[in-house]
């Protein structure tokens, strides 16, 4: 069985790769709703509920990057959703894409260390899983 090299998968905002990234994560969740009744025989029962998704990542701060910490910071300040993609950008492979809000963004700069950043996004609406053509 073939395995995908995770280095090939990155996050993109409006089609531009987030520069200097060292990780990229996508997560999907569903919150089941309670359907337990007096007919459930003392057992909990559930039905489908709200679906949600998040993306997050980390990277190195590069002031010369086309899209990096500075651009994420600007997007955070505007408080508007951004178009994000979790993809290898390889033709015929599937990727996730949706609109999301930046809900956290932080930078770290220790003594004689490379400056890094981390961020998390909360999706709004559908997270599509489609094939790159």
Protein backbone atom coordinates (compact mmCIF):
# COMPACT_ATOMS: atom_id res chain seq x y z
CA UNK A 1 0.00 0.00 0.00
CA UNK A 2 1.28 3.44 -0.93
CA UNK A 3 1.71 6.01 1.82
CA UNK A 4 1.42 9.78 1.38
CA UNK A 5 4.44 11.86 2.40
CA UNK A 6 2.99 14.47 4.78
CA UNK A 7 5.59 17.01 3.66
CA UNK A 8 3.62 17.27 0.41
CA UNK A 9 0.46 18.45 2.19
CA UNK A 10 0.21 22.16 2.98
CA UNK A 11 -2.35 24.83 3.71
CA UNK A 12 -3.31 27.47 1.20
CA UNK A 13 -5.21 30.73 1.70
CA UNK A 14 -6.98 32.02 -1.40
CA UNK A 15 -4.79 29.67 -3.46
CA UNK A 16 -1.47 30.83 -1.97
CA UNK A 17 0.61 28.40 0.11
CA UNK A 18 1.30 29.46 3.71
CA UNK A 19 5.09 29.89 3.63
CA UNK A 20 7.45 28.32 6.15
CA UNK A 21 4.84 25.89 7.44
CA UNK A 22 6.04 22.97 9.53
CA UNK A 23 2.61 21.40 10.13
CA UNK A 24 -0.92 21.49 8.74
CA UNK A 25 -3.92 19.84 10.37
CA UNK A 26 -7.56 19.43 9.42
CA UNK A 27 -10.20 18.06 11.79
CA UNK A 28 -13.87 17.26 11.26
CA UNK A 29 -16.36 16.62 14.05
CA UNK A 30 -20.02 15.89 14.55
CA UNK A 31 -21.96 16.62 17.75
CA UNK A 32 -24.62 13.92 18.01
CA UNK A 33 -27.94 14.99 19.50
CA UNK A 34 -29.66 13.09 22.25
CA UNK A 35 -32.58 10.90 21.18
CA UNK A 36 -33.06 8.98 24.42
CA UNK A 37 -36.67 8.35 25.39
CA UNK A 38 -38.59 6.33 27.91
CA UNK A 39 -38.66 3.61 25.24
CA UNK A 40 -34.82 3.37 25.15
CA UNK A 41 -34.67 0.73 27.89
CA UNK A 42 -32.20 2.72 29.97
CA UNK A 43 -29.79 3.08 27.04
CA UNK A 44 -28.59 6.35 25.60
CA UNK A 45 -29.62 6.88 21.98
CA UNK A 46 -28.25 9.46 19.56
CA UNK A 47 -29.02 10.92 16.15
CA UNK A 48 -26.81 12.89 13.79
CA UNK A 49 -26.08 16.47 14.83
CA UNK A 50 -24.18 19.55 13.82
CA UNK A 51 -20.97 19.03 11.85
CA UNK A 52 -18.00 21.35 12.34
CA UNK A 53 -14.42 21.56 11.20
CA UNK A 54 -11.14 23.23 12.07
CA UNK A 55 -7.70 23.66 10.53
CA UNK A 56 -4.49 24.59 12.28
CA UNK A 57 -0.80 24.85 11.59
CA UNK A 58 2.62 26.07 12.64
CA UNK A 59 5.55 27.53 10.80
CA UNK A 60 8.59 29.76 10.75
CA UNK A 61 8.13 33.53 10.51
CA UNK A 62 9.51 34.87 7.23
CA UNK A 63 8.89 38.60 6.70
CA UNK A 64 9.57 38.16 2.95
CA UNK A 65 6.97 35.38 2.53
CA UNK A 66 4.25 35.81 -0.08
CA UNK A 67 1.73 34.55 2.50
CA UNK A 68 2.82 33.96 6.10
CA UNK A 69 2.49 35.33 9.62
CA UNK A 70 2.01 38.97 8.53
CA UNK A 71 -0.80 38.08 6.11
CA UNK A 72 -2.50 35.80 8.64
CA UNK A 73 -2.32 38.69 11.13
CA UNK A 74 -3.99 41.02 8.62
CA UNK A 75 -6.71 38.43 7.93
CA UNK A 76 -7.25 38.06 11.68
CA UNK A 77 -7.69 41.83 12.06
CA UNK A 78 -10.33 42.02 9.30
CA UNK A 79 -12.53 39.44 11.09
CA UNK A 80 -13.78 38.09 7.77
CA UNK A 81 -13.70 34.46 6.62
CA UNK A 82 -10.84 33.35 4.40
CA UNK A 83 -10.80 30.64 1.73
CA UNK A 84 -8.55 27.80 2.94
CA UNK A 85 -7.35 24.56 1.39
CA UNK A 86 -5.56 21.53 2.90
CA UNK A 87 -3.92 19.95 -0.12
CA UNK A 88 -0.89 18.36 -1.77
CA UNK A 89 -1.82 20.29 -4.94
CA UNK A 90 -1.27 17.06 -6.89
CA UNK A 91 -3.60 16.54 -9.84
CA UNK A 92 -6.23 13.81 -9.33
CA UNK A 93 -5.73 13.77 -5.52
CA UNK A 94 -8.45 14.88 -3.11
CA UNK A 95 -8.23 17.98 -0.93
CA UNK A 96 -10.30 19.82 1.69
CA UNK A 97 -11.50 23.36 1.03
CA UNK A 98 -13.80 25.80 2.82
CA UNK A 99 -14.24 29.21 4.39
CA UNK A 100 -12.92 29.81 7.90
CA UNK A 101 -12.29 32.43 10.54
CA UNK A 102 -8.89 32.77 12.19
CA UNK A 103 -9.68 32.21 15.85
CA UNK A 104 -6.13 32.22 17.17
CA UNK A 105 -2.73 33.37 15.98
CA UNK A 106 0.44 33.49 18.03
CA UNK A 107 4.14 34.11 17.49
CA UNK A 108 7.08 32.82 19.52
CA UNK A 109 10.59 34.23 19.56
CA UNK A 110 13.05 32.74 22.06
CA UNK A 111 16.66 33.80 22.52
CA UNK A 112 18.77 32.55 19.60
CA UNK A 113 15.86 30.52 18.24
CA UNK A 114 14.03 30.73 14.94
CA UNK A 115 10.84 32.76 15.30
CA UNK A 116 7.71 30.65 14.82
CA UNK A 117 3.97 31.11 14.60
CA UNK A 118 0.90 28.97 15.14
CA UNK A 119 -2.70 29.49 14.16
CA UNK A 120 -6.09 27.85 14.27
CA UNK A 121 -9.11 28.32 12.04
CA UNK A 122 -12.77 27.56 12.63
CA UNK A 123 -14.76 26.63 9.56
CA UNK A 124 -18.00 28.29 8.61
CA UNK A 125 -20.26 26.26 6.36
CA UNK A 126 -19.34 23.18 4.34
CA UNK A 127 -15.85 21.70 4.19
CA UNK A 128 -15.66 20.25 0.69
CA UNK A 129 -13.60 17.14 -0.10
CA UNK A 130 -13.00 17.19 -3.83
CA UNK A 131 -10.54 15.98 -6.44
CA UNK A 132 -7.95 18.40 -7.80
CA UNK A 133 -8.22 18.61 -11.57
